[in-house]
Amino acid sequence: MCCAPWRTENLRRRTEREKQDTSRYAISNFARDVLTIGDNLRRAIEHVPAEAAAGALALKSFLEGVEAHRARVTVTCLNAMA
């Protein structure tokens, strides 16, 4: 009986630590998945020839917008994983 309060406190601490670890792990997995999206956006941008973008203002603007979103996704995910 004398150890029951210690066991209860240890269980509470361990449960809290496991809860925090699970939360961190879930955020990291989500961020990794979203970084994949950022990588795909980068690949899409790289496949557009520079001369095509230079010759079409609408395409150039579109690519700039995609790049802005790619950069924002990357920064947000890296911050979430930190």
Protein backbone atom coordinates (compact mmCIF):
# COMPACT_ATOMS: atom_id res chain seq x y z
CA MET A 1 0.00 0.00 0.00
CA CYS A 2 2.83 2.43 0.71
CA CYS A 3 3.97 2.37 -2.94
CA ALA A 4 0.56 2.96 -4.50
CA PRO A 5 0.86 6.79 -4.65
CA TRP A 6 4.30 6.49 -6.31
CA ARG A 7 3.02 4.02 -8.86
CA THR A 8 0.08 6.24 -9.66
CA GLU A 9 2.34 9.28 -10.10
CA ASN A 10 4.77 7.32 -12.30
CA LEU A 11 1.90 6.07 -14.44
CA ARG A 12 0.56 9.61 -14.80
CA ARG A 13 3.98 10.95 -15.86
CA ARG A 14 4.59 8.11 -18.30
CA THR A 15 1.13 8.54 -19.82
CA GLU A 16 1.69 12.29 -20.26
CA ARG A 17 5.10 11.70 -21.86
CA GLU A 18 3.64 9.13 -24.26
CA LYS A 19 0.84 11.54 -25.17
CA GLN A 20 3.37 14.27 -25.99
CA ASP A 21 5.52 11.86 -28.01
CA THR A 22 2.50 10.70 -30.00
CA SER A 23 1.54 14.29 -30.76
CA ARG A 24 5.06 15.15 -31.95
CA TYR A 25 5.20 12.03 -34.10
CA ALA A 26 1.85 12.82 -35.73
CA ILE A 27 2.90 16.40 -36.52
CA SER A 28 6.18 15.19 -38.01
CA ASN A 29 4.41 12.67 -40.24
CA PHE A 30 1.95 15.30 -41.42
CA ALA A 31 4.74 17.78 -42.12
CA ARG A 32 6.70 15.14 -44.05
CA ASP A 33 3.63 14.39 -46.17
CA VAL A 34 3.10 18.07 -46.93
CA LEU A 35 6.78 18.51 -47.80
CA THR A 36 6.22 15.89 -50.48
CA ILE A 37 3.62 18.22 -51.97
CA GLY A 38 6.18 21.03 -51.93
CA ASP A 39 8.68 18.79 -53.72
CA ASN A 40 6.10 17.96 -56.38
CA LEU A 41 5.36 21.65 -56.91
CA ARG A 42 9.10 22.29 -57.33
CA ARG A 43 9.35 19.50 -59.90
CA ALA A 44 6.39 20.93 -61.82
CA ILE A 45 8.03 24.35 -61.91
CA GLU A 46 11.33 22.87 -63.10
CA HIS A 47 9.62 21.11 -66.03
CA VAL A 48 8.45 24.38 -67.58
CA PRO A 49 11.11 25.66 -69.97
CA ALA A 50 12.43 29.09 -69.01
CA GLU A 51 11.87 30.42 -72.52
CA ALA A 52 8.21 29.38 -72.37
CA ALA A 53 7.71 31.27 -69.12
CA ALA A 54 9.59 34.29 -70.46
CA GLY A 55 7.38 34.42 -73.53
CA ALA A 56 4.03 34.16 -71.79
CA LEU A 57 3.20 36.64 -69.04
CA ALA A 58 0.29 34.53 -67.75
CA LEU A 59 2.48 31.42 -67.46
CA LYS A 60 5.22 33.42 -65.74
CA SER A 61 2.73 34.81 -63.22
CA PHE A 62 1.27 31.36 -62.65
CA LEU A 63 4.71 29.88 -61.98
CA GLU A 64 5.55 32.69 -59.57
CA GLY A 65 2.35 31.94 -57.66
CA VAL A 66 3.11 28.22 -57.54
CA GLU A 67 6.64 28.96 -56.33
CA ALA A 68 5.29 31.25 -53.60
CA HIS A 69 2.99 28.48 -52.37
CA ARG A 70 5.80 25.91 -52.55
CA ALA A 71 8.06 28.12 -50.45
CA ARG A 72 5.33 28.77 -47.90
CA VAL A 73 4.50 25.06 -47.58
CA THR A 74 8.16 24.24 -47.06
CA VAL A 75 8.72 26.89 -44.40
CA THR A 76 5.52 25.98 -42.56
CA CYS A 77 6.42 22.29 -42.49
CA LEU A 78 9.97 22.88 -41.36
CA ASN A 79 8.68 25.07 -38.54
CA ALA A 80 6.19 22.39 -37.52
CA MET A 81 8.91 19.74 -37.41
CA ALA A 82 11.25 21.91 -35.31
